Every structure is written in C-alpha cells, then in structure tokens.
Amino acid sequence: MGMPPQRGHVEYAVLEQAAQWFALLQSEEATATDREAWRRWRDSAEAHRAAWAQVERIGQLFRPIQTAPDPHGAVGAYRAATANATRRRIVLGLALVAGAGLTGGVAWRYSPLPGLVLARMADHRTATGEVREVVLADGTRVWLGTASAFDTDFGPALRRLRLVAGEILISTAGGQQRPFVVDTPQGRLRALGTRFTVRLDASITRIAVYDGAVQAHAADGAGVVIPAGWQARLTATGLSPIEPVDPASEASTRGLYIARNAPLGEVLRELGRYRAGLLSVSPEVADLPVFGSYPMTEPERVLAMLASVMPIRVSHPLPWWTRVTPR
C-alpha cells in the first residue's frame, strides 16, 4: 500500500514469521530445538521482537475464548482478560487499531467485544458486526454502524448528541425549534434540516451530507456550512476543504459496502471493522481493484465472495488471524 516506514511499524513479512513461530510454539510438536531457534530469531532484530510482542499480545487476548470449557465461561474469561485495555481504547475512541502499523502490507485488528464496554458508557451502542436503527425522543432517526456508540442530552433549549465511537447516519425530525447538534472530540456539527453521516476515525471526524446542510465548527473555532452532496473532515488542526460526497457511502451505516474500483486493501480495512481478530493483506494484492456490493455484517461471506472472483487466497494461520495473499 506504500505507507512510509515509521517508528514502531512492523514489516508484513516479519509479522508472518512471528505468527508462524507462535503457531509452532503453541502446538504439541514444538521441541526444545524449536524453542531455541525461536529465541535466536526473536533476539536477532528489534523488528522481530516488535512483531513477536504484537502476535503474542493478540494471542493472549483470544486464548481465554479458545481454551474455556464452555461458551459462557469463554465470554467471562475474555471480559476479565480485556476489560481494562479495551475500556481505555474505547474511551479514547481508538477501538480500531491499525494492526502493527504494517509497512509493505496491511493489517487491521478490531477489539472483539467493544459493545460490552460501550454499553456501560453510552446511551445507545452496537457491537462489532451489528447495525441498528434508533428513534430518539423528538422523532429523529439514527442508524448506528458497527461498533458505534453515542449519548443524548435533550434539554429545553438544545438537542445534543455526543458521538463516542464509530459511525452514525442521522435523519433529523422536522417541526422542532430547538437546534440539533452533534459533538465529537474534533468539534460540533449543527443540523440544518438534514440527513447526514458522522464517523470517527481515530483523531478525525468525517461528515457527509445527503439532504439539507450541516454547519460544522472545529475546536479551533473555524466553521463552514456543508451543503447536500458534499463532505468534510474535522481534525485537531481545523476543517478540511469540502469535496463531493460519494452517494454510496450512505449505505455503510446499514452494513453495505459499495465498491467502485476500490483497492482491495481499502475494502478489507472496512471489513476489519465488522469482525474480531487480525485481518491482513499482502502487498502483492492490496491494490487490486474491487467492484460490487458487499454485506459487511457477514464478513466471512464477503471474504468468500472476494476469493471467488479475484486471484487471492484466504487462509487462517491462527484462530484469530485471517490472511489474504496471492493465489
């Protein structure tokens, strides 16, 4: 995908090596010689140590589910193992983690049970892979995408919604005198009789307007009115210029991804939001063009659809790792 190397990033090939070592060491076939060879590999380079730490960290998160004797015990064990780390990521709006920040390849890891944490913190939420519609007290309709959450604060003078995580599509109710606003860490959006989406991507708020208009104000005070058919981004440094919106993007809050010559890596990044575990794609196929409509709430079906029409192979080296490589 051509991302520039950055500190802390892990090469795709090195991550694969680490995962293969992990699989061997977890099996009953590992010998003392294998373990000594693994130690030499791990200690031979800083990149190897970083890759091993990443793979081991993910493996530890999923081990309670793999080893618990019953499903109920598995959920309890997983919740106990991940509660603190997951809660911190959700609070910071960082449920989506860009794998190990791979160079020469792409991987995404989604927190497997974000809904359980968000339920304690937000008025409305969805779990990973879930989409849902909510009708608010004033008649406003809100569609939540995967792993999304928001709070509401409706008073006599203002209708306020605070987006905590993920993505929402809002169709505001008419006949209301009170302003309707959406707050995010990057600023405030005021609906001007409209239908629009708001999405949190790490430190960016993305706004796309389909009907009416939205008045956007960044935290630094900069403001702009975004008309129907246009989109913009809010960041810590201000507002981006507005640009035309892809009408198909509205479908994402309903769990549908419409690809028109989209790179495979981009499609898989979006798919990673709908499933637990690590999803990686090798650089040889990351830029292959994708066309069609895909039901993201059925991630395994999407992977099968892609593999049936593209020169790719989908494999599962570990229970929590799905890899997409050339066929």
Protein backbone atom coordinates (compact mmCIF):
# COMPACT_ATOMS: atom_id res chain seq x y z
CA MET A 1 0.00 0.00 0.00
CA GLY A 2 3.08 2.23 0.01
CA MET A 3 2.94 3.59 3.55
CA PRO A 4 6.17 5.27 4.63
CA PRO A 5 8.12 3.49 7.36
CA GLN A 6 7.52 4.88 10.82
CA ARG A 7 8.89 4.12 14.23
CA GLY A 8 7.12 1.16 15.78
CA HIS A 9 5.88 -0.23 12.47
CA VAL A 10 6.32 -3.89 11.66
CA GLU A 11 7.05 -5.35 8.23
CA TYR A 12 4.34 -7.63 6.89
CA ALA A 13 6.79 -10.48 6.24
CA VAL A 14 8.21 -10.24 9.76
CA LEU A 15 4.74 -10.37 11.27
CA GLU A 16 4.07 -13.53 9.27
CA GLN A 17 7.25 -15.10 10.63
CA ALA A 18 6.23 -14.20 14.17
CA ALA A 19 2.78 -15.72 13.69
CA GLN A 20 4.30 -18.92 12.30
CA TRP A 21 6.60 -19.19 15.32
CA PHE A 22 3.64 -18.58 17.60
CA ALA A 23 1.61 -21.34 15.94
CA LEU A 24 4.51 -23.79 16.25
CA LEU A 25 5.22 -22.98 19.90
CA GLN A 26 1.54 -23.35 20.80
CA SER A 27 1.36 -26.78 19.17
CA GLU A 28 2.34 -30.09 20.73
CA GLU A 29 5.01 -30.57 18.07
CA ALA A 30 7.40 -27.89 19.34
CA THR A 31 10.73 -29.30 20.52
CA ALA A 32 13.49 -27.83 22.64
CA THR A 33 15.42 -27.23 19.42
CA ASP A 34 12.44 -25.30 18.01
CA ARG A 35 12.26 -23.12 21.10
CA GLU A 36 15.97 -22.34 20.94
CA ALA A 37 15.64 -21.46 17.23
CA TRP A 38 12.70 -19.19 18.06
CA ARG A 39 14.71 -17.39 20.74
CA ARG A 40 17.55 -16.80 18.30
CA TRP A 41 15.10 -15.45 15.72
CA ARG A 42 13.36 -13.18 18.23
CA ASP A 43 16.58 -11.77 19.64
CA SER A 44 18.29 -11.24 16.29
CA ALA A 45 16.48 -7.98 15.43
CA GLU A 46 14.37 -5.28 17.03
CA ALA A 47 11.74 -5.78 14.30
CA HIS A 48 11.47 -9.44 15.30
CA ARG A 49 10.92 -8.51 18.93
CA ALA A 50 8.25 -5.96 17.99
CA ALA A 51 6.45 -8.45 15.73
CA TRP A 52 6.57 -11.16 18.38
CA ALA A 53 5.17 -8.79 21.01
CA GLN A 54 2.28 -7.90 18.68
CA VAL A 55 1.41 -11.50 17.84
CA GLU A 56 1.76 -12.64 21.45
CA ARG A 57 -0.45 -9.79 22.65
CA ILE A 58 -3.27 -10.73 20.27
CA GLY A 59 -2.87 -14.41 21.03
CA GLN A 60 -3.20 -13.77 24.75
CA LEU A 61 -6.42 -11.84 24.23
CA PHE A 62 -8.01 -14.70 22.32
CA ARG A 63 -6.66 -17.57 24.45
CA PRO A 64 -9.47 -17.38 27.07
CA ILE A 65 -12.05 -17.99 24.32
CA GLN A 66 -10.08 -20.84 22.75
CA THR A 67 -9.46 -22.73 26.00
CA ALA A 68 -12.60 -22.14 28.10
CA PRO A 69 -14.64 -25.36 28.52
CA ASP A 70 -17.95 -23.71 27.69
CA PRO A 71 -19.13 -20.61 25.76
CA HIS A 72 -20.37 -18.79 28.87
CA GLY A 73 -17.04 -19.29 30.59
CA ALA A 74 -15.25 -18.12 27.45
CA VAL A 75 -17.07 -14.80 27.41
CA GLY A 76 -16.43 -14.26 31.10
CA ALA A 77 -12.76 -15.14 30.77
CA TYR A 78 -12.35 -12.87 27.78
CA ARG A 79 -14.10 -9.98 29.50
CA ALA A 80 -11.82 -10.33 32.53
CA ALA A 81 -8.71 -10.50 30.35
CA THR A 82 -9.52 -7.49 28.20
CA ALA A 83 -11.67 -5.17 30.30
CA ASN A 84 -9.01 -2.62 31.25
CA ALA A 85 -7.22 -2.41 27.90
CA THR A 86 -10.42 -2.41 25.88
CA ARG A 87 -12.09 0.21 28.04
CA ARG A 88 -9.12 2.52 27.64
CA ARG A 89 -9.16 2.17 23.85
CA ILE A 90 -12.89 2.82 23.66
CA VAL A 91 -12.73 5.84 25.94
CA LEU A 92 -10.08 7.30 23.68
CA GLY A 93 -12.09 6.49 20.58
CA LEU A 94 -9.39 4.09 19.42
CA ALA A 95 -11.22 0.77 19.14
CA LEU A 96 -9.91 0.40 15.63
CA VAL A 97 -6.17 -0.30 15.73
CA ALA A 98 -4.16 -0.37 12.54
CA GLY A 99 -2.62 -3.75 13.20
CA ALA A 100 1.02 -3.27 13.99
CA GLY A 101 1.12 -0.30 11.62
CA LEU A 102 2.47 -2.56 8.90
CA THR A 103 4.77 -1.39 6.14
CA GLY A 104 4.86 -3.41 2.94
CA GLY A 105 1.45 -4.86 3.81
CA VAL A 106 -1.70 -4.01 5.68
CA ALA A 107 -3.36 -5.48 8.74
CA TRP A 108 -6.24 -4.43 10.94
CA ARG A 109 -7.27 -5.62 14.36
CA TYR A 110 -10.64 -4.86 15.91
CA SER A 111 -11.38 -5.11 19.59
CA PRO A 112 -13.53 -8.27 19.74
CA LEU A 113 -16.07 -7.19 22.36
CA PRO A 114 -16.32 -3.38 22.22
CA GLY A 115 -20.11 -3.43 22.68
CA LEU A 116 -19.80 -4.89 26.19
CA VAL A 117 -17.67 -1.93 27.25
CA LEU A 118 -19.58 0.74 25.36
CA ALA A 119 -22.85 -0.44 26.93
CA ARG A 120 -21.60 0.83 30.29
CA MET A 121 -20.71 4.23 28.88
CA ALA A 122 -23.17 5.26 26.16
CA ASP A 123 -26.94 5.62 25.84
CA HIS A 124 -27.02 3.77 22.52
CA ARG A 125 -24.47 1.37 21.04
CA THR A 126 -23.83 -1.53 18.68
CA ALA A 127 -21.39 -4.40 18.98
CA THR A 128 -18.83 -5.42 16.37
CA GLY A 129 -20.68 -6.50 13.22
CA GLU A 130 -24.03 -5.10 14.37
CA VAL A 131 -26.04 -2.28 12.73
CA ARG A 132 -29.17 -0.83 14.29
CA GLU A 133 -31.75 1.95 13.99
CA VAL A 134 -32.79 4.13 16.93
CA VAL A 135 -35.68 6.62 17.07
CA LEU A 136 -34.96 9.44 19.51
CA ALA A 137 -37.49 11.21 21.72
CA ASP A 138 -38.00 14.02 19.18
CA GLY A 139 -38.58 11.62 16.26
CA THR A 140 -35.04 11.89 14.86
CA ARG A 141 -33.88 8.61 13.36
CA VAL A 142 -30.31 7.42 13.90
CA TRP A 143 -28.69 4.40 12.27
CA LEU A 144 -25.62 3.08 14.07
CA GLY A 145 -22.90 1.30 12.14
CA THR A 146 -20.69 -1.44 13.54
CA ALA A 147 -19.16 -0.87 17.00
CA SER A 148 -20.70 2.58 17.33
CA ALA A 149 -21.97 4.47 20.36
CA PHE A 150 -23.48 7.83 21.23
CA ASP A 151 -25.02 9.70 24.16
CA THR A 152 -28.03 12.01 24.03
CA ASP A 153 -28.72 15.13 26.06
CA PHE A 154 -32.05 16.71 25.11
CA GLY A 155 -32.93 19.86 27.05
CA PRO A 156 -35.46 22.67 26.64
CA ALA A 157 -33.07 24.75 24.51
CA LEU A 158 -30.88 22.19 22.71
CA ARG A 159 -30.94 18.66 21.34
CA ARG A 160 -27.40 17.34 21.77
CA LEU A 161 -25.89 14.07 20.63
CA ARG A 162 -22.31 13.07 21.52
CA LEU A 163 -20.66 10.53 19.23
CA VAL A 164 -18.41 8.27 21.30
CA ALA A 165 -17.25 5.77 18.69
CA GLY A 166 -17.94 4.52 15.19
CA GLU A 167 -20.38 5.93 12.64
CA ILE A 168 -23.98 7.14 12.60
CA LEU A 169 -26.48 8.27 9.96
CA ILE A 170 -28.89 10.92 11.24
CA SER A 171 -32.23 11.96 9.75
CA THR A 172 -33.42 14.86 11.90
CA ALA A 173 -37.08 15.30 12.80
CA GLY A 174 -38.90 18.33 11.43
CA GLY A 175 -41.05 20.85 13.29
CA GLN A 176 -38.51 21.45 16.04
CA GLN A 177 -37.40 24.86 17.29
CA ARG A 178 -34.51 23.52 19.35
CA PRO A 179 -31.19 23.23 17.50
CA PHE A 180 -29.87 19.71 16.90
CA VAL A 181 -26.10 19.36 17.37
CA VAL A 182 -23.60 16.51 17.29
CA ASP A 183 -20.43 16.85 19.36
CA THR A 184 -17.22 14.92 18.65
CA PRO A 185 -13.69 15.34 20.03
CA GLN A 186 -12.86 17.48 16.98
CA GLY A 187 -15.77 19.92 17.08
CA ARG A 188 -19.52 20.49 16.83
CA LEU A 189 -21.97 19.90 13.97
CA ARG A 190 -25.33 21.66 13.75
CA ALA A 191 -28.00 20.06 11.58
CA LEU A 192 -29.91 22.41 9.29
CA GLY A 193 -32.90 20.19 8.47
CA THR A 194 -30.87 17.35 7.13
CA ARG A 195 -29.73 13.76 6.66
CA PHE A 196 -26.03 13.20 7.19
CA THR A 197 -23.39 10.77 8.46
CA VAL A 198 -20.74 11.35 11.10
CA ARG A 199 -17.83 8.97 11.53
CA LEU A 200 -14.94 8.90 13.98
CA ASP A 201 -11.67 7.60 12.54
CA ALA A 202 -9.05 7.87 15.28
CA SER A 203 -8.41 11.65 15.51
CA ILE A 204 -10.61 12.60 12.54
CA THR A 205 -14.35 13.33 12.31
CA ARG A 206 -15.78 12.71 8.83
CA ILE A 207 -19.04 14.37 7.83
CA ALA A 208 -21.06 13.63 4.69
CA VAL A 209 -24.33 15.45 3.92
CA TYR A 210 -27.08 13.90 1.78
CA ASP A 211 -30.03 16.27 2.38
CA GLY A 212 -30.21 19.79 3.78
CA ALA A 213 -26.98 21.14 5.24
CA VAL A 214 -24.70 20.89 8.27
CA GLN A 215 -22.90 23.75 9.96
CA ALA A 216 -19.53 22.41 11.13
CA HIS A 217 -17.33 24.10 13.72
CA ALA A 218 -13.86 22.84 14.55
CA ALA A 219 -12.43 23.02 18.05
CA ASP A 220 -10.26 25.94 16.96
CA GLY A 221 -13.36 27.98 16.04
CA ALA A 222 -13.21 27.61 12.26
CA GLY A 223 -16.61 26.98 10.69
CA VAL A 224 -18.21 26.08 7.38
CA VAL A 225 -21.66 25.14 6.07
CA ILE A 226 -21.58 21.79 4.26
CA PRO A 227 -24.42 21.55 1.72
CA ALA A 228 -26.09 18.38 0.47
CA GLY A 229 -23.81 16.32 -1.76
CA TRP A 230 -20.62 17.43 -0.03
CA GLN A 231 -18.35 16.16 2.74
CA ALA A 232 -15.57 17.44 5.01
CA ARG A 233 -13.21 16.37 7.78
CA LEU A 234 -12.65 17.83 11.23
CA THR A 235 -9.24 17.40 12.84
CA ALA A 236 -7.36 18.87 15.78
CA THR A 237 -5.92 21.48 13.42
CA GLY A 238 -9.22 22.57 11.86
CA LEU A 239 -11.50 21.89 8.91
CA SER A 240 -10.61 20.38 5.55
CA PRO A 241 -11.95 21.92 2.33
CA ILE A 242 -15.32 20.45 1.39
CA GLU A 243 -15.43 17.98 -1.50
CA PRO A 244 -18.12 15.99 -3.35
CA VAL A 245 -19.52 13.01 -1.46
CA ASP A 246 -19.98 9.53 -2.88
CA PRO A 247 -23.74 8.85 -2.53
CA ALA A 248 -22.97 5.16 -1.99
CA SER A 249 -21.16 5.96 1.26
CA GLU A 250 -24.52 6.39 3.00
CA ALA A 251 -25.03 2.63 2.75
CA SER A 252 -22.14 1.93 5.14
CA THR A 253 -24.27 2.65 8.21
CA ARG A 254 -26.61 -0.12 7.02
CA GLY A 255 -23.70 -2.57 6.79
CA LEU A 256 -23.38 -2.41 3.00
CA TYR A 257 -20.14 -1.52 1.21
CA ILE A 258 -20.40 -0.45 -2.43
CA ALA A 259 -17.05 -0.66 -4.20
CA ARG A 260 -16.32 1.13 -7.46
CA ASN A 261 -12.71 0.44 -8.38
CA ALA A 262 -11.73 0.45 -4.69
CA PRO A 263 -8.35 -1.05 -3.73
CA LEU A 264 -8.68 -4.45 -2.05
CA GLY A 265 -6.73 -3.15 0.94
CA GLU A 266 -9.31 -0.39 1.44
CA VAL A 267 -12.19 -2.88 1.25
CA LEU A 268 -10.52 -5.16 3.79
CA ARG A 269 -9.82 -2.27 6.10
CA GLU A 270 -13.55 -1.54 6.19
CA LEU A 271 -14.33 -5.24 6.61
CA GLY A 272 -11.97 -5.33 9.59
CA ARG A 273 -14.39 -3.06 11.46
CA TYR A 274 -17.02 -5.82 11.33
CA ARG A 275 -15.05 -8.75 12.70
CA ALA A 276 -12.80 -9.72 15.59
CA GLY A 277 -9.14 -10.59 15.23
CA LEU A 278 -6.37 -9.66 12.83
CA LEU A 279 -7.10 -9.29 9.11
CA SER A 280 -4.05 -8.82 6.89
CA VAL A 281 -3.48 -8.46 3.16
CA SER A 282 -0.16 -8.95 1.38
CA PRO A 283 1.22 -6.03 -0.65
CA GLU A 284 1.06 -8.07 -3.89
CA VAL A 285 -2.75 -7.92 -3.88
CA ALA A 286 -3.55 -4.87 -1.74
CA ASP A 287 -4.05 -2.61 -4.77
CA LEU A 288 -6.24 -4.96 -6.82
CA PRO A 289 -9.46 -3.17 -7.90
CA VAL A 290 -12.74 -4.27 -6.34
CA PHE A 291 -16.24 -3.75 -7.73
CA GLY A 292 -19.65 -4.68 -6.36
CA SER A 293 -21.81 -4.55 -3.24
CA TYR A 294 -20.76 -6.42 -0.12
CA PRO A 295 -22.76 -7.22 3.07
CA MET A 296 -20.17 -6.29 5.67
CA THR A 297 -22.24 -7.70 8.52
CA GLU A 298 -21.38 -11.12 7.06
CA PRO A 299 -17.56 -10.84 6.92
CA GLU A 300 -16.82 -14.49 6.14
CA ARG A 301 -19.27 -14.35 3.24
CA VAL A 302 -17.56 -11.22 1.94
CA LEU A 303 -14.16 -12.92 2.08
CA ALA A 304 -15.58 -15.88 0.17
CA MET A 305 -17.13 -13.56 -2.43
CA LEU A 306 -13.82 -11.77 -2.97
CA ALA A 307 -11.87 -15.03 -3.20
CA SER A 308 -14.30 -16.38 -5.81
CA VAL A 309 -13.73 -13.54 -8.28
CA MET A 310 -10.19 -12.36 -7.51
CA PRO A 311 -6.75 -14.02 -7.68
CA ILE A 312 -6.48 -14.20 -3.90
CA ARG A 313 -6.35 -16.87 -1.23
CA VAL A 314 -7.92 -16.50 2.21
CA SER A 315 -6.27 -18.53 4.96
CA HIS A 316 -6.39 -18.72 8.76
CA PRO A 317 -2.86 -19.36 10.09
CA LEU A 318 -4.18 -18.89 13.63
CA PRO A 319 -7.72 -18.80 15.04
CA TRP A 320 -7.56 -15.03 15.40
CA TRP A 321 -5.60 -14.25 12.22
CA THR A 322 -7.08 -14.17 8.71
CA ARG A 323 -4.59 -13.63 5.90
CA VAL A 324 -5.26 -12.59 2.29
CA THR A 325 -2.45 -13.49 -0.13
CA PRO A 326 -1.98 -14.08 -3.88
CA ARG A 327 -3.47 -17.33 -5.17
